[in-house]
Amino acid sequence: MMSDNGPSTLEILPNELLLGICKHFTARELYRAFYGLNRRFRSIVDNISNLHLTMTENEFHEPIWLAFRRVIKLSVDRVEHIDLCRFSNIRSLEWISPFDAQTQQLYSSTYFAHLDHLSVYNMRDTLSTAYFHQFIFSNGFPLVSKCNLNRVNISLSWTLSPYLRAVSIGSVSDPLVFERILISCPNLTRFDFHLLGHIRIPPPSTFQHVNLKRLYLTGTLSSQLVSHIAARVPALVLLNVGKWILREKPIIYFQHLSNIFNAFLPYLSQFDCDFVCNGEYDHFRNIGPILEQLHPCFTHRLQFTKLDYNRIRISTK
């Protein structure tokens, strides 16, 4: 029972409440703020599981290293030396700018038996990177369901990674990457894909991915490119295209999209877009009702925003 005779302090709270409070702190915050207070707080901190830790330097000194086996979410940013065997319960790993030796550790290790989410950014395009991508898309991480990469090297052969459900690729310059990932991930349901430059994805072969439901595309997306992509993913229910400059006339582009949707995407129920084109605002207001009649996914969803330099933003509500 709290006393009314003196100031309230954190120590008067029961252990159950302190545990609830401490679960909102990262591993570093816990050990810096509470570990050295007294034996009671040290015991509480040592018994908290499901910790999150961001490492931006080599931190293997006490007391931080005591938390490593209880860390489930780890972010590593340009750390030169790290002992992966200390992190045996990782569920989510984000690694920025790994060195080649660390990349080799990732694809040759069995440290991450529980890994579910994997994000690796700013990897140099080396042979180690190619082996790492081969490892990912050949079921090297059998429990990983979500993977985020800044780029993909497809110079080595892959098998299958049936557990992957969501893949995001930050920059793509190889036109073969799209189909290669679809083939390797038969149970993929979400794909985020950013195209660099004017990539020409080749016409589809007989392959079709029957499980992909949500596709997010950014880059320069001509109607022909959208057609080649849509023909590979007939089960789509959501298509998002955006963040680029439309070179085709909007009414022609949306007519092509309507034809593509009718021909290849019978289950499509949501289309989102966000791009910029040149033209007069009044003109777009006049053709808006015409565009919305081309396909049910456009109806009552298109909006036009006047920008500077005689540009118009076309987006969905």
C-alpha atoms as a PDB file:
ATOM      1  CA  MET A   1       0.000   0.000   0.000  1.00  0.00           C
ATOM      2  CA  MET A   2       1.374   3.382  -0.995  1.00  0.00           C
ATOM      3  CA  SER A   3       2.081   5.878   1.767  1.00  0.00           C
ATOM      4  CA  ASP A   4       0.676   9.400   1.730  1.00  0.00           C
ATOM      5  CA  ASN A   5       3.432  10.635   4.015  1.00  0.00           C
ATOM      6  CA  GLY A   6       6.312  10.754   1.538  1.00  0.00           C
ATOM      7  CA  PRO A   7       7.116  11.089  -2.150  1.00  0.00           C
ATOM      8  CA  SER A   8       6.291   8.141  -4.390  1.00  0.00           C
ATOM      9  CA  THR A   9       9.239   6.357  -6.002  1.00  0.00           C
ATOM     10  CA  LEU A  10       9.616   3.657  -8.628  1.00  0.00           C
ATOM     11  CA  GLU A  11      10.804   1.221  -5.976  1.00  0.00           C
ATOM     12  CA  ILE A  12       7.410   1.070  -4.235  1.00  0.00           C
ATOM     13  CA  LEU A  13       5.815  -0.582  -7.279  1.00  0.00           C
ATOM     14  CA  PRO A  14       5.406  -4.371  -7.196  1.00  0.00           C
ATOM     15  CA  ASN A  15       7.631  -6.494  -9.469  1.00  0.00           C
ATOM     16  CA  GLU A  16       4.715  -7.260 -11.796  1.00  0.00           C
ATOM     17  CA  LEU A  17       4.207  -3.572 -12.603  1.00  0.00           C
ATOM     18  CA  LEU A  18       7.927  -2.974 -12.971  1.00  0.00           C
ATOM     19  CA  LEU A  19       8.151  -5.847 -15.443  1.00  0.00           C
ATOM     20  CA  GLY A  20       5.293  -4.350 -17.434  1.00  0.00           C
ATOM     21  CA  ILE A  21       7.038  -0.980 -17.536  1.00  0.00           C
ATOM     22  CA  CYS A  22      10.428  -2.425 -18.447  1.00  0.00           C
ATOM     23  CA  LYS A  23       9.014  -4.323 -21.427  1.00  0.00           C
ATOM     24  CA  HIS A  24       8.598  -0.966 -23.192  1.00  0.00           C
ATOM     25  CA  PHE A  25      12.364  -0.317 -23.144  1.00  0.00           C
ATOM     26  CA  THR A  26      15.008  -1.577 -25.548  1.00  0.00           C
ATOM     27  CA  ALA A  27      17.780  -3.822 -24.232  1.00  0.00           C
ATOM     28  CA  ARG A  28      20.276  -0.949 -24.161  1.00  0.00           C
ATOM     29  CA  GLU A  29      17.870   1.360 -22.318  1.00  0.00           C
ATOM     30  CA  LEU A  30      17.160  -1.299 -19.723  1.00  0.00           C
ATOM     31  CA  TYR A  31      20.757  -2.046 -18.920  1.00  0.00           C
ATOM     32  CA  ARG A  32      21.821   1.572 -18.912  1.00  0.00           C
ATOM     33  CA  ALA A  33      18.932   2.874 -16.825  1.00  0.00           C
ATOM     34  CA  PHE A  34      18.112   0.077 -14.387  1.00  0.00           C
ATOM     35  CA  TYR A  35      20.797  -2.595 -14.214  1.00  0.00           C
ATOM     36  CA  GLY A  36      23.116  -0.723 -11.856  1.00  0.00           C
ATOM     37  CA  LEU A  37      20.442   0.575  -9.446  1.00  0.00           C
ATOM     38  CA  ASN A  38      20.278  -2.356  -7.037  1.00  0.00           C
ATOM     39  CA  ARG A  39      19.963  -6.133  -6.818  1.00  0.00           C
ATOM     40  CA  ARG A  40      16.170  -6.069  -7.255  1.00  0.00           C
ATOM     41  CA  PHE A  41      16.251  -4.109 -10.500  1.00  0.00           C
ATOM     42  CA  ARG A  42      19.168  -6.192 -11.755  1.00  0.00           C
ATOM     43  CA  SER A  43      17.121  -9.344 -11.201  1.00  0.00           C
ATOM     44  CA  ILE A  44      14.088  -7.851 -12.982  1.00  0.00           C
ATOM     45  CA  VAL A  45      16.164  -6.763 -15.983  1.00  0.00           C
ATOM     46  CA  ASP A  46      17.832 -10.173 -16.212  1.00  0.00           C
ATOM     47  CA  ASN A  47      14.437 -11.875 -16.430  1.00  0.00           C
ATOM     48  CA  ILE A  48      12.891  -9.838 -19.238  1.00  0.00           C
ATOM     49  CA  SER A  49      12.616 -11.711 -22.520  1.00  0.00           C
ATOM     50  CA  ASN A  50      11.640 -10.623 -26.058  1.00  0.00           C
ATOM     51  CA  LEU A  51      14.144  -7.760 -26.102  1.00  0.00           C
ATOM     52  CA  HIS A  52      14.922  -5.388 -28.988  1.00  0.00           C
ATOM     53  CA  LEU A  53      18.484  -4.213 -29.611  1.00  0.00           C
ATOM     54  CA  THR A  54      20.109  -1.844 -32.120  1.00  0.00           C
ATOM     55  CA  MET A  55      23.875  -2.165 -32.457  1.00  0.00           C
ATOM     56  CA  THR A  56      25.895   0.617 -34.079  1.00  0.00           C
ATOM     57  CA  GLU A  57      29.228  -0.326 -32.530  1.00  0.00           C
ATOM     58  CA  ASN A  58      30.963  -3.335 -31.022  1.00  0.00           C
ATOM     59  CA  GLU A  59      29.140  -3.926 -27.739  1.00  0.00           C
ATOM     60  CA  PHE A  60      30.285  -7.159 -26.165  1.00  0.00           C
ATOM     61  CA  HIS A  61      31.200  -5.685 -22.805  1.00  0.00           C
ATOM     62  CA  GLU A  62      29.016  -6.057 -19.764  1.00  0.00           C
ATOM     63  CA  PRO A  63      26.234  -5.522 -19.102  1.00  0.00           C
ATOM     64  CA  ILE A  64      24.711  -5.319 -22.630  1.00  0.00           C
ATOM     65  CA  TRP A  65      26.033  -8.703 -23.720  1.00  0.00           C
ATOM     66  CA  LEU A  66      24.045 -10.364 -20.920  1.00  0.00           C
ATOM     67  CA  ALA A  67      20.879  -9.621 -22.906  1.00  0.00           C
ATOM     68  CA  PHE A  68      21.983 -11.105 -26.227  1.00  0.00           C
ATOM     69  CA  ARG A  69      20.324 -14.513 -25.808  1.00  0.00           C
ATOM     70  CA  ARG A  70      17.024 -12.831 -24.939  1.00  0.00           C
ATOM     71  CA  VAL A  71      17.018 -10.495 -27.944  1.00  0.00           C
ATOM     72  CA  ILE A  72      14.332 -11.393 -30.497  1.00  0.00           C
ATOM     73  CA  LYS A  73      14.668  -8.291 -32.707  1.00  0.00           C
ATOM     74  CA  LEU A  74      18.175  -7.209 -33.703  1.00  0.00           C
ATOM     75  CA  SER A  75      19.240  -4.239 -35.844  1.00  0.00           C
ATOM     76  CA  VAL A  76      22.909  -4.043 -36.877  1.00  0.00           C
ATOM     77  CA  ASP A  77      24.285  -0.914 -38.536  1.00  0.00           C
ATOM     78  CA  ARG A  78      27.878  -1.033 -39.816  1.00  0.00           C
ATOM     79  CA  VAL A  79      29.213  -3.108 -36.915  1.00  0.00           C
ATOM     80  CA  GLU A  80      32.642  -4.427 -37.770  1.00  0.00           C
ATOM     81  CA  HIS A  81      32.753  -7.382 -35.357  1.00  0.00           C
ATOM     82  CA  ILE A  82      29.792  -9.374 -34.104  1.00  0.00           C
ATOM     83  CA  ASP A  83      29.503 -12.878 -32.667  1.00  0.00           C
ATOM     84  CA  LEU A  84      26.292 -14.283 -34.112  1.00  0.00           C
ATOM     85  CA  CYS A  85      26.274 -17.349 -31.887  1.00  0.00           C
ATOM     86  CA  ARG A  86      25.324 -15.091 -28.948  1.00  0.00           C
ATOM     87  CA  PHE A  87      21.961 -14.297 -30.591  1.00  0.00           C
ATOM     88  CA  SER A  88      20.320 -17.710 -30.599  1.00  0.00           C
ATOM     89  CA  ASN A  89      16.693 -16.546 -30.330  1.00  0.00           C
ATOM     90  CA  ILE A  90      16.494 -13.894 -33.046  1.00  0.00           C
ATOM     91  CA  ARG A  91      13.099 -13.654 -34.777  1.00  0.00           C
ATOM     92  CA  SER A  92      13.740 -10.428 -36.697  1.00  0.00           C
ATOM     93  CA  LEU A  93      17.084  -9.277 -38.105  1.00  0.00           C
ATOM     94  CA  GLU A  94      17.878  -5.978 -39.849  1.00  0.00           C
ATOM     95  CA  TRP A  95      21.454  -5.593 -41.075  1.00  0.00           C
ATOM     96  CA  ILE A  96      22.776  -2.446 -42.753  1.00  0.00           C
ATOM     97  CA  SER A  97      26.032  -2.514 -44.731  1.00  0.00           C
ATOM     98  CA  PRO A  98      27.351  -5.960 -43.755  1.00  0.00           C
ATOM     99  CA  PHE A  99      30.961  -6.738 -44.628  1.00  0.00           C
ATOM    100  CA  ASP A 100      31.702  -9.666 -46.943  1.00  0.00           C
ATOM    101  CA  ALA A 101      32.889 -11.812 -44.037  1.00  0.00           C
ATOM    102  CA  GLN A 102      29.623 -11.132 -42.214  1.00  0.00           C
ATOM    103  CA  THR A 103      27.609 -11.953 -45.326  1.00  0.00           C
ATOM    104  CA  GLN A 104      29.426 -15.275 -45.504  1.00  0.00           C
ATOM    105  CA  GLN A 105      28.537 -15.897 -41.868  1.00  0.00           C
ATOM    106  CA  LEU A 106      24.885 -15.288 -42.656  1.00  0.00           C
ATOM    107  CA  TYR A 107      24.629 -17.831 -45.459  1.00  0.00           C
ATOM    108  CA  SER A 108      26.882 -20.435 -43.875  1.00  0.00           C
ATOM    109  CA  SER A 109      25.533 -20.328 -40.329  1.00  0.00           C
ATOM    110  CA  THR A 110      22.815 -22.128 -38.428  1.00  0.00           C
ATOM    111  CA  TYR A 111      22.534 -19.433 -35.766  1.00  0.00           C
ATOM    112  CA  PHE A 112      19.087 -18.170 -36.698  1.00  0.00           C
ATOM    113  CA  ALA A 113      16.901 -21.206 -36.164  1.00  0.00           C
ATOM    114  CA  HIS A 114      13.888 -19.035 -35.268  1.00  0.00           C
ATOM    115  CA  LEU A 115      14.344 -16.215 -37.792  1.00  0.00           C
ATOM    116  CA  ASP A 116      11.064 -15.023 -39.325  1.00  0.00           C
ATOM    117  CA  HIS A 117      11.797 -11.512 -40.713  1.00  0.00           C
ATOM    118  CA  LEU A 118      15.024 -10.639 -42.534  1.00  0.00           C
ATOM    119  CA  SER A 119      16.097  -7.224 -43.861  1.00  0.00           C
ATOM    120  CA  VAL A 120      19.548  -6.586 -45.356  1.00  0.00           C
ATOM    121  CA  TYR A 121      20.444  -3.249 -46.960  1.00  0.00           C
ATOM    122  CA  ASN A 122      23.438  -1.601 -48.639  1.00  0.00           C
ATOM    123  CA  MET A 123      25.125  -4.829 -49.655  1.00  0.00           C
ATOM    124  CA  ARG A 124      27.993  -4.553 -52.101  1.00  0.00           C
ATOM    125  CA  ASP A 125      27.554  -6.488 -55.339  1.00  0.00           C
ATOM    126  CA  THR A 126      30.121  -9.235 -54.736  1.00  0.00           C
ATOM    127  CA  LEU A 127      30.248 -13.008 -55.069  1.00  0.00           C
ATOM    128  CA  SER A 128      29.377 -13.262 -51.377  1.00  0.00           C
ATOM    129  CA  THR A 129      26.212 -11.275 -52.070  1.00  0.00           C
ATOM    130  CA  ALA A 130      25.277 -13.652 -54.893  1.00  0.00           C
ATOM    131  CA  TYR A 131      25.754 -16.657 -52.586  1.00  0.00           C
ATOM    132  CA  PHE A 132      23.710 -14.930 -49.899  1.00  0.00           C
ATOM    133  CA  HIS A 133      20.806 -14.342 -52.280  1.00  0.00           C
ATOM    134  CA  GLN A 134      21.067 -17.913 -53.481  1.00  0.00           C
ATOM    135  CA  PHE A 135      20.852 -18.998 -49.837  1.00  0.00           C
ATOM    136  CA  ILE A 136      17.725 -16.905 -49.199  1.00  0.00           C
ATOM    137  CA  PHE A 137      15.840 -18.014 -52.308  1.00  0.00           C
ATOM    138  CA  SER A 138      16.848 -21.664 -51.939  1.00  0.00           C
ATOM    139  CA  ASN A 139      15.238 -22.119 -48.513  1.00  0.00           C
ATOM    140  CA  GLY A 140      18.402 -21.330 -46.566  1.00  0.00           C
ATOM    141  CA  PHE A 141      16.242 -19.665 -43.902  1.00  0.00           C
ATOM    142  CA  PRO A 142      13.360 -22.151 -43.772  1.00  0.00           C
ATOM    143  CA  LEU A 143      11.200 -20.126 -41.366  1.00  0.00           C
ATOM    144  CA  VAL A 144      11.667 -16.657 -42.908  1.00  0.00           C
ATOM    145  CA  SER A 145       8.319 -15.421 -44.221  1.00  0.00           C
ATOM    146  CA  LYS A 146       9.232 -11.785 -44.904  1.00  0.00           C
ATOM    147  CA  CYS A 147      12.401 -10.560 -46.615  1.00  0.00           C
ATOM    148  CA  ASN A 148      13.523  -7.011 -47.492  1.00  0.00           C
ATOM    149  CA  LEU A 149      16.571  -6.437 -49.715  1.00  0.00           C
ATOM    150  CA  ASN A 150      17.945  -3.378 -51.460  1.00  0.00           C
ATOM    151  CA  ARG A 151      18.959  -5.401 -54.531  1.00  0.00           C
ATOM    152  CA  VAL A 152      19.201  -8.981 -55.764  1.00  0.00           C
ATOM    153  CA  ASN A 153      22.006 -10.764 -57.610  1.00  0.00           C
ATOM    154  CA  ILE A 154      20.680 -13.631 -59.748  1.00  0.00           C
ATOM    155  CA  SER A 155      24.010 -14.819 -61.207  1.00  0.00           C
ATOM    156  CA  LEU A 156      23.774 -18.154 -59.337  1.00  0.00           C
ATOM    157  CA  SER A 157      21.067 -20.784 -59.624  1.00  0.00           C
ATOM    158  CA  TRP A 158      18.248 -20.990 -57.070  1.00  0.00           C
ATOM    159  CA  THR A 159      15.863 -23.732 -56.011  1.00  0.00           C
ATOM    160  CA  LEU A 160      12.706 -22.930 -54.019  1.00  0.00           C
ATOM    161  CA  SER A 161      11.888 -21.013 -50.863  1.00  0.00           C
ATOM    162  CA  PRO A 162       8.316 -22.143 -50.162  1.00  0.00           C
ATOM    163  CA  TYR A 163       7.848 -20.365 -46.823  1.00  0.00           C
ATOM    164  CA  LEU A 164       8.477 -16.821 -48.102  1.00  0.00           C
ATOM    165  CA  ARG A 165       5.226 -14.858 -48.139  1.00  0.00           C
ATOM    166  CA  ALA A 166       6.394 -11.245 -48.580  1.00  0.00           C
ATOM    167  CA  VAL A 167       9.433  -9.924 -50.484  1.00  0.00           C
ATOM    168  CA  SER A 168      10.531  -6.313 -50.993  1.00  0.00           C
ATOM    169  CA  ILE A 169      13.320  -5.340 -53.416  1.00  0.00           C
ATOM    170  CA  GLY A 170      14.483  -1.726 -53.145  1.00  0.00           C
ATOM    171  CA  SER A 171      16.199  -1.326 -56.528  1.00  0.00           C
ATOM    172  CA  VAL A 172      16.084  -3.574 -59.589  1.00  0.00           C
ATOM    173  CA  SER A 173      18.151  -3.115 -62.724  1.00  0.00           C
ATOM    174  CA  ASP A 174      17.945  -6.674 -64.103  1.00  0.00           C
ATOM    175  CA  PRO A 175      14.707  -7.347 -66.039  1.00  0.00           C
ATOM    176  CA  LEU A 176      14.855 -11.074 -65.172  1.00  0.00           C
ATOM    177  CA  VAL A 177      14.672 -10.570 -61.389  1.00  0.00           C
ATOM    178  CA  PHE A 178      10.883 -10.269 -61.262  1.00  0.00           C
ATOM    179  CA  GLU A 179      10.067 -13.662 -62.753  1.00  0.00           C
ATOM    180  CA  ARG A 180      13.058 -15.297 -61.062  1.00  0.00           C
ATOM    181  CA  ILE A 181      11.725 -14.410 -57.616  1.00  0.00           C
ATOM    182  CA  LEU A 182       8.190 -15.465 -58.502  1.00  0.00           C
ATOM    183  CA  ILE A 183       9.435 -18.875 -59.622  1.00  0.00           C
ATOM    184  CA  SER A 184      11.547 -19.305 -56.480  1.00  0.00           C
ATOM    185  CA  CYS A 185       8.728 -18.274 -54.101  1.00  0.00           C
ATOM    186  CA  PRO A 186       5.613 -20.244 -55.087  1.00  0.00           C
ATOM    187  CA  ASN A 187       3.652 -19.162 -51.993  1.00  0.00           C
ATOM    188  CA  LEU A 188       4.459 -15.456 -52.197  1.00  0.00           C
ATOM    189  CA  THR A 189       1.421 -13.285 -51.450  1.00  0.00           C
ATOM    190  CA  ARG A 190       2.972  -9.796 -51.407  1.00  0.00           C
ATOM    191  CA  PHE A 191       5.724  -8.371 -53.628  1.00  0.00           C
ATOM    192  CA  ASP A 192       7.210  -4.841 -53.427  1.00  0.00           C
ATOM    193  CA  PHE A 193       9.381  -4.055 -56.422  1.00  0.00           C
ATOM    194  CA  HIS A 194      11.234  -0.858 -57.412  1.00  0.00           C
ATOM    195  CA  LEU A 195      12.512  -0.609 -60.985  1.00  0.00           C
ATOM    196  CA  LEU A 196      15.560   1.469 -61.819  1.00  0.00           C
ATOM    197  CA  GLY A 197      15.511   3.322 -65.126  1.00  0.00           C
ATOM    198  CA  HIS A 198      13.634   2.134 -68.193  1.00  0.00           C
ATOM    199  CA  ILE A 199      13.767  -1.614 -67.631  1.00  0.00           C
ATOM    200  CA  ARG A 200      12.062  -3.735 -70.253  1.00  0.00           C
ATOM    201  CA  ILE A 201      10.716  -6.864 -68.613  1.00  0.00           C
ATOM    202  CA  PRO A 202      10.404  -9.455 -71.388  1.00  0.00           C
ATOM    203  CA  PRO A 203       7.031 -10.825 -72.497  1.00  0.00           C
ATOM    204  CA  PRO A 204       5.766 -13.581 -70.205  1.00  0.00           C
ATOM    205  CA  SER A 205       6.507 -17.217 -70.821  1.00  0.00           C
ATOM    206  CA  THR A 206       3.976 -19.888 -69.902  1.00  0.00           C
ATOM    207  CA  PHE A 207       4.791 -19.375 -66.208  1.00  0.00           C
ATOM    208  CA  GLN A 208       2.121 -17.875 -63.963  1.00  0.00           C
ATOM    209  CA  HIS A 209       2.236 -17.297 -60.218  1.00  0.00           C
ATOM    210  CA  VAL A 210      -1.117 -18.338 -58.772  1.00  0.00           C
ATOM    211  CA  ASN A 211      -0.748 -17.136 -55.165  1.00  0.00           C
ATOM    212  CA  LEU A 212       0.457 -13.524 -55.411  1.00  0.00           C
ATOM    213  CA  LYS A 213      -2.347 -11.255 -54.187  1.00  0.00           C
ATOM    214  CA  ARG A 214      -0.710  -7.841 -53.614  1.00  0.00           C
ATOM    215  CA  LEU A 215       1.831  -6.196 -55.898  1.00  0.00           C
ATOM    216  CA  TYR A 216       3.454  -2.796 -55.243  1.00  0.00           C
ATOM    217  CA  LEU A 217       5.423  -1.356 -58.177  1.00  0.00           C
ATOM    218  CA  THR A 218       7.460   1.830 -58.340  1.00  0.00           C
ATOM    219  CA  GLY A 219       9.674   3.148 -61.114  1.00  0.00           C
ATOM    220  CA  THR A 220       9.057   3.917 -64.770  1.00  0.00           C
ATOM    221  CA  LEU A 221       6.004   1.779 -65.567  1.00  0.00           C
ATOM    222  CA  SER A 222       4.845   1.912 -69.166  1.00  0.00           C
ATOM    223  CA  SER A 223       1.565   0.246 -70.015  1.00  0.00           C
ATOM    224  CA  GLN A 224       3.494  -2.423 -71.942  1.00  0.00           C
ATOM    225  CA  LEU A 225       5.618  -3.206 -68.880  1.00  0.00           C
ATOM    226  CA  VAL A 226       2.502  -3.426 -66.680  1.00  0.00           C
ATOM    227  CA  SER A 227       1.028  -5.811 -69.241  1.00  0.00           C
ATOM    228  CA  HIS A 228       4.084  -8.102 -69.156  1.00  0.00           C
ATOM    229  CA  ILE A 229       3.976  -8.130 -65.369  1.00  0.00           C
ATOM    230  CA  ALA A 230       0.208  -8.631 -65.029  1.00  0.00           C
ATOM    231  CA  ALA A 231       0.242 -11.634 -67.352  1.00  0.00           C
ATOM    232  CA  ARG A 232       2.432 -13.455 -64.805  1.00  0.00           C
ATOM    233  CA  VAL A 233       0.230 -12.809 -61.742  1.00  0.00           C
ATOM    234  CA  PRO A 234      -3.424 -13.590 -62.551  1.00  0.00           C
ATOM    235  CA  ALA A 235      -4.502 -13.922 -58.886  1.00  0.00           C
ATOM    236  CA  LEU A 236      -3.823 -10.280 -57.970  1.00  0.00           C
ATOM    237  CA  VAL A 237      -6.476  -8.536 -55.910  1.00  0.00           C
ATOM    238  CA  LEU A 238      -4.441  -5.351 -55.283  1.00  0.00           C
ATOM    239  CA  LEU A 239      -2.102  -3.516 -57.653  1.00  0.00           C
ATOM    240  CA  ASN A 240      -0.262  -0.364 -56.577  1.00  0.00           C
ATOM    241  CA  VAL A 241       1.813   1.643 -59.059  1.00  0.00           C
ATOM    242  CA  GLY A 242       3.370   4.937 -58.170  1.00  0.00           C
ATOM    243  CA  LYS A 243       6.098   7.506 -57.669  1.00  0.00           C
ATOM    244  CA  TRP A 244       7.006   8.135 -61.270  1.00  0.00           C
ATOM    245  CA  ILE A 245       6.433  10.463 -64.224  1.00  0.00           C
ATOM    246  CA  LEU A 246       3.808   9.395 -66.749  1.00  0.00           C
ATOM    247  CA  ARG A 247       5.046   9.885 -70.301  1.00  0.00           C
ATOM    248  CA  GLU A 248       1.971   8.504 -72.076  1.00  0.00           C
ATOM    249  CA  LYS A 249      -1.249  10.463 -72.467  1.00  0.00           C
ATOM    250  CA  PRO A 250      -3.358   9.701 -69.369  1.00  0.00           C
ATOM    251  CA  ILE A 251      -6.513   8.736 -71.257  1.00  0.00           C
ATOM    252  CA  ILE A 252      -4.546   6.296 -73.436  1.00  0.00           C
ATOM    253  CA  TYR A 253      -2.613   4.934 -70.461  1.00  0.00           C
ATOM    254  CA  PHE A 254      -5.750   4.266 -68.423  1.00  0.00           C
ATOM    255  CA  GLN A 255      -7.440   2.694 -71.444  1.00  0.00           C
ATOM    256  CA  HIS A 256      -4.472   0.333 -71.742  1.00  0.00           C
ATOM    257  CA  LEU A 257      -4.665  -0.422 -68.021  1.00  0.00           C
ATOM    258  CA  SER A 258      -8.351  -1.228 -68.339  1.00  0.00           C
ATOM    259  CA  ASN A 259      -7.625  -3.640 -71.195  1.00  0.00           C
ATOM    260  CA  ILE A 260      -4.807  -5.243 -69.164  1.00  0.00           C
ATOM    261  CA  PHE A 261      -7.005  -5.714 -66.111  1.00  0.00           C
ATOM    262  CA  ASN A 262      -9.794  -7.264 -68.164  1.00  0.00           C
ATOM    263  CA  ALA A 263      -7.404  -9.588 -69.993  1.00  0.00           C
ATOM    264  CA  PHE A 264      -5.104 -10.751 -67.175  1.00  0.00           C
ATOM    265  CA  LEU A 265      -6.446  -9.779 -63.736  1.00  0.00           C
ATOM    266  CA  PRO A 266      -9.995 -11.098 -63.265  1.00  0.00           C
ATOM    267  CA  TYR A 267      -9.850 -10.861 -59.442  1.00  0.00           C
ATOM    268  CA  LEU A 268      -8.431  -7.341 -59.182  1.00  0.00           C
ATOM    269  CA  SER A 269     -10.540  -5.304 -56.750  1.00  0.00           C
ATOM    270  CA  GLN A 270      -8.209  -2.433 -55.827  1.00  0.00           C
ATOM    271  CA  PHE A 271      -5.921  -0.293 -57.959  1.00  0.00           C
ATOM    272  CA  ASP A 272      -3.809   2.462 -56.415  1.00  0.00           C
ATOM    273  CA  CYS A 273      -1.612   4.914 -58.280  1.00  0.00           C
ATOM    274  CA  ASP A 274       0.455   8.013 -57.664  1.00  0.00           C
ATOM    275  CA  PHE A 275       2.247   9.675 -60.569  1.00  0.00           C
ATOM    276  CA  VAL A 276       2.867  13.025 -62.194  1.00  0.00           C
ATOM    277  CA  CYS A 277       2.246  14.165 -65.775  1.00  0.00           C
ATOM    278  CA  ASN A 278       2.211  17.381 -67.744  1.00  0.00           C
ATOM    279  CA  GLY A 279      -1.015  19.107 -68.702  1.00  0.00           C
ATOM    280  CA  GLU A 280      -3.712  21.606 -67.882  1.00  0.00           C
ATOM    281  CA  TYR A 281      -5.657  21.098 -64.681  1.00  0.00           C
ATOM    282  CA  ASP A 282      -9.022  21.924 -66.295  1.00  0.00           C
ATOM    283  CA  HIS A 283      -8.388  19.278 -68.951  1.00  0.00           C
ATOM    284  CA  PHE A 284      -7.874  16.593 -66.318  1.00  0.00           C
ATOM    285  CA  ARG A 285     -11.004  17.625 -64.474  1.00  0.00           C
ATOM    286  CA  ASN A 286     -12.926  17.180 -67.727  1.00  0.00           C
ATOM    287  CA  ILE A 287     -11.521  13.762 -68.576  1.00  0.00           C
ATOM    288  CA  GLY A 288     -11.778  12.493 -64.996  1.00  0.00           C
ATOM    289  CA  PRO A 289     -15.314  11.086 -65.400  1.00  0.00           C
ATOM    290  CA  ILE A 290     -14.236   9.378 -68.640  1.00  0.00           C
ATOM    291  CA  LEU A 291     -11.285   7.681 -66.942  1.00  0.00           C
ATOM    292  CA  GLU A 292     -13.423   6.494 -64.049  1.00  0.00           C
ATOM    293  CA  GLN A 293     -15.800   4.713 -66.431  1.00  0.00           C
ATOM    294  CA  LEU A 294     -13.032   2.637 -68.014  1.00  0.00           C
ATOM    295  CA  HIS A 295     -12.814   0.090 -65.188  1.00  0.00           C
ATOM    296  CA  PRO A 296     -14.531  -0.497 -61.815  1.00  0.00           C
ATOM    297  CA  CYS A 297     -11.170  -0.073 -60.025  1.00  0.00           C
ATOM    298  CA  PHE A 298     -11.070   3.557 -61.242  1.00  0.00           C
ATOM    299  CA  THR A 299     -14.628   4.488 -60.286  1.00  0.00           C
ATOM    300  CA  HIS A 300     -14.834   7.311 -57.706  1.00  0.00           C
ATOM    301  CA  ARG A 301     -11.157   6.837 -56.823  1.00  0.00           C
ATOM    302  CA  LEU A 302      -9.098   9.080 -59.101  1.00  0.00           C
ATOM    303  CA  GLN A 303      -8.109  12.545 -57.956  1.00  0.00           C
ATOM    304  CA  PHE A 304      -6.110  15.286 -59.667  1.00  0.00           C
ATOM    305  CA  THR A 305      -3.865  17.762 -57.874  1.00  0.00           C
ATOM    306  CA  LYS A 306      -2.451  20.866 -59.502  1.00  0.00           C
ATOM    307  CA  LEU A 307       1.323  21.202 -59.065  1.00  0.00           C
ATOM    308  CA  ASP A 308       3.798  23.831 -60.200  1.00  0.00           C
ATOM    309  CA  TYR A 309       5.372  24.010 -63.681  1.00  0.00           C
ATOM    310  CA  ASN A 310       2.143  22.931 -65.388  1.00  0.00           C
ATOM    311  CA  ARG A 311       2.200  19.483 -63.823  1.00  0.00           C
ATOM    312  CA  ILE A 312      -0.656  17.377 -62.514  1.00  0.00           C
ATOM    313  CA  ARG A 313      -0.534  14.639 -59.907  1.00  0.00           C
ATOM    314  CA  ILE A 314      -2.866  11.703 -60.549  1.00  0.00           C
ATOM    315  CA  SER A 315      -3.508   9.583 -57.476  1.00  0.00           C
ATOM    316  CA  THR A 316      -6.162   7.410 -55.894  1.00  0.00           C
ATOM    317  CA  LYS A 317      -8.244   8.275 -52.854  1.00  0.00           C
END
